């Protein structure tokens, strides 16, 4: 019974660490021309947008396309980081589970 409680506590710690890791995830992407910078959170939501003042020389459609591409890139980076956190959690829990079976 003691081993079960110890494993449960360790699993809870792993989950708490993963949640902390997830809440800290942000991803920033700068367009190749440097005109647009976007930031996404762990869920991939756009949480920051910065435009260089020279974007006013572009059409609205061009600026929109730059923003959409940069936001998608930031979101993809955040998703990769999120996947890494989940993968590490899954691996740690599996390792813990295999130890408890011994």
Protein backbone atom coordinates (compact mmCIF):
# COMPACT_ATOMS: atom_id res chain seq x y z
CA UNK A 1 0.00 0.00 0.00
CA UNK A 2 2.86 2.35 0.82
CA UNK A 3 4.35 1.84 -2.66
CA UNK A 4 1.01 2.72 -4.27
CA UNK A 5 0.82 5.97 -2.31
CA UNK A 6 4.43 6.82 -3.15
CA UNK A 7 3.78 6.22 -6.86
CA UNK A 8 0.61 8.29 -6.74
CA UNK A 9 2.52 11.18 -5.13
CA UNK A 10 5.25 10.94 -7.76
CA UNK A 11 2.68 10.93 -10.55
CA UNK A 12 1.04 14.00 -9.05
CA UNK A 13 4.42 15.74 -8.92
CA UNK A 14 5.06 14.85 -12.57
CA UNK A 15 1.67 16.24 -13.58
CA UNK A 16 2.26 19.44 -11.62
CA UNK A 17 5.65 19.86 -13.29
CA UNK A 18 4.07 19.32 -16.70
CA UNK A 19 1.35 21.87 -15.97
CA UNK A 20 3.98 24.39 -14.90
CA UNK A 21 5.92 23.65 -18.07
CA UNK A 22 2.82 24.11 -20.20
CA UNK A 23 1.92 27.42 -18.60
CA UNK A 24 5.44 28.71 -19.31
CA UNK A 25 5.34 27.90 -23.03
CA UNK A 26 5.46 30.79 -25.43
CA UNK A 27 6.77 30.88 -28.96
CA UNK A 28 7.90 33.94 -30.87
CA UNK A 29 8.27 33.98 -34.63
CA UNK A 30 9.68 36.78 -36.77
CA UNK A 31 8.83 36.85 -40.46
CA UNK A 32 11.87 36.45 -42.73
CA UNK A 33 11.67 40.10 -43.76
CA UNK A 34 11.46 41.18 -40.11
CA UNK A 35 8.22 43.08 -40.63
CA UNK A 36 6.00 40.93 -38.42
CA UNK A 37 6.67 39.34 -35.05
CA UNK A 38 4.07 37.10 -33.46
CA UNK A 39 3.87 35.32 -30.14
CA UNK A 40 1.73 32.28 -29.34
CA UNK A 41 0.93 30.61 -26.04
CA UNK A 42 0.86 26.88 -25.28
CA UNK A 43 -2.57 26.48 -26.86
CA UNK A 44 -1.34 28.13 -30.05
CA UNK A 45 -3.36 31.27 -29.48
CA UNK A 46 -1.88 34.54 -30.70
CA UNK A 47 -0.93 36.57 -27.63
CA UNK A 48 1.42 39.11 -29.19
CA UNK A 49 1.74 40.94 -32.48
CA UNK A 50 4.32 43.51 -33.45
CA UNK A 51 4.53 45.23 -36.82
CA UNK A 52 7.47 47.13 -38.19
CA UNK A 53 6.48 50.65 -39.18
CA UNK A 54 7.42 49.93 -42.79
CA UNK A 55 4.45 47.57 -43.19
CA UNK A 56 2.46 50.68 -44.11
CA UNK A 57 4.15 50.43 -47.53
CA UNK A 58 2.40 47.11 -48.15
CA UNK A 59 -1.19 46.48 -49.13
CA UNK A 60 -3.66 45.30 -46.53
CA UNK A 61 -3.74 41.85 -48.13
CA UNK A 62 0.06 41.58 -47.98
CA UNK A 63 0.14 42.59 -44.34
CA UNK A 64 -2.67 40.16 -43.56
CA UNK A 65 -0.84 37.30 -45.25
CA UNK A 66 2.35 38.11 -43.34
CA UNK A 67 0.45 38.13 -40.06
CA UNK A 68 -1.38 34.88 -40.77
CA UNK A 69 1.84 33.09 -41.80
CA UNK A 70 3.78 34.40 -38.80
CA UNK A 71 0.96 33.48 -36.41
CA UNK A 72 0.82 29.96 -37.87
CA UNK A 73 4.58 29.57 -37.44
CA UNK A 74 4.49 30.74 -33.82
CA UNK A 75 1.58 28.40 -33.17
CA UNK A 76 3.48 25.47 -34.72
CA UNK A 77 6.53 26.19 -32.56
CA UNK A 78 4.33 26.34 -29.44
CA UNK A 79 2.67 23.05 -30.44
CA UNK A 80 6.05 21.36 -30.78
CA UNK A 81 7.05 22.60 -27.34
CA UNK A 82 3.72 21.45 -25.90
CA UNK A 83 4.16 18.03 -27.51
CA UNK A 84 7.61 17.78 -25.96
CA UNK A 85 6.18 18.45 -22.47
CA UNK A 86 3.47 15.81 -22.97
CA UNK A 87 5.97 13.32 -24.35
CA UNK A 88 8.26 13.82 -21.36
CA UNK A 89 5.30 13.39 -18.99
CA UNK A 90 4.13 10.23 -20.73
CA UNK A 91 7.63 8.77 -20.66
CA UNK A 92 8.14 9.61 -16.99
CA UNK A 93 4.79 8.12 -15.98
CA UNK A 94 5.51 4.97 -18.02
CA UNK A 95 8.91 4.61 -16.37
CA UNK A 96 7.34 5.05 -12.94
CA UNK A 97 4.66 2.48 -13.77
CA UNK A 98 7.22 -0.07 -14.99
CA UNK A 99 9.24 0.35 -11.79
CA UNK A 100 6.17 -0.30 -9.66
CA UNK A 101 5.54 -3.58 -11.46
CA UNK A 102 8.93 -4.95 -10.46
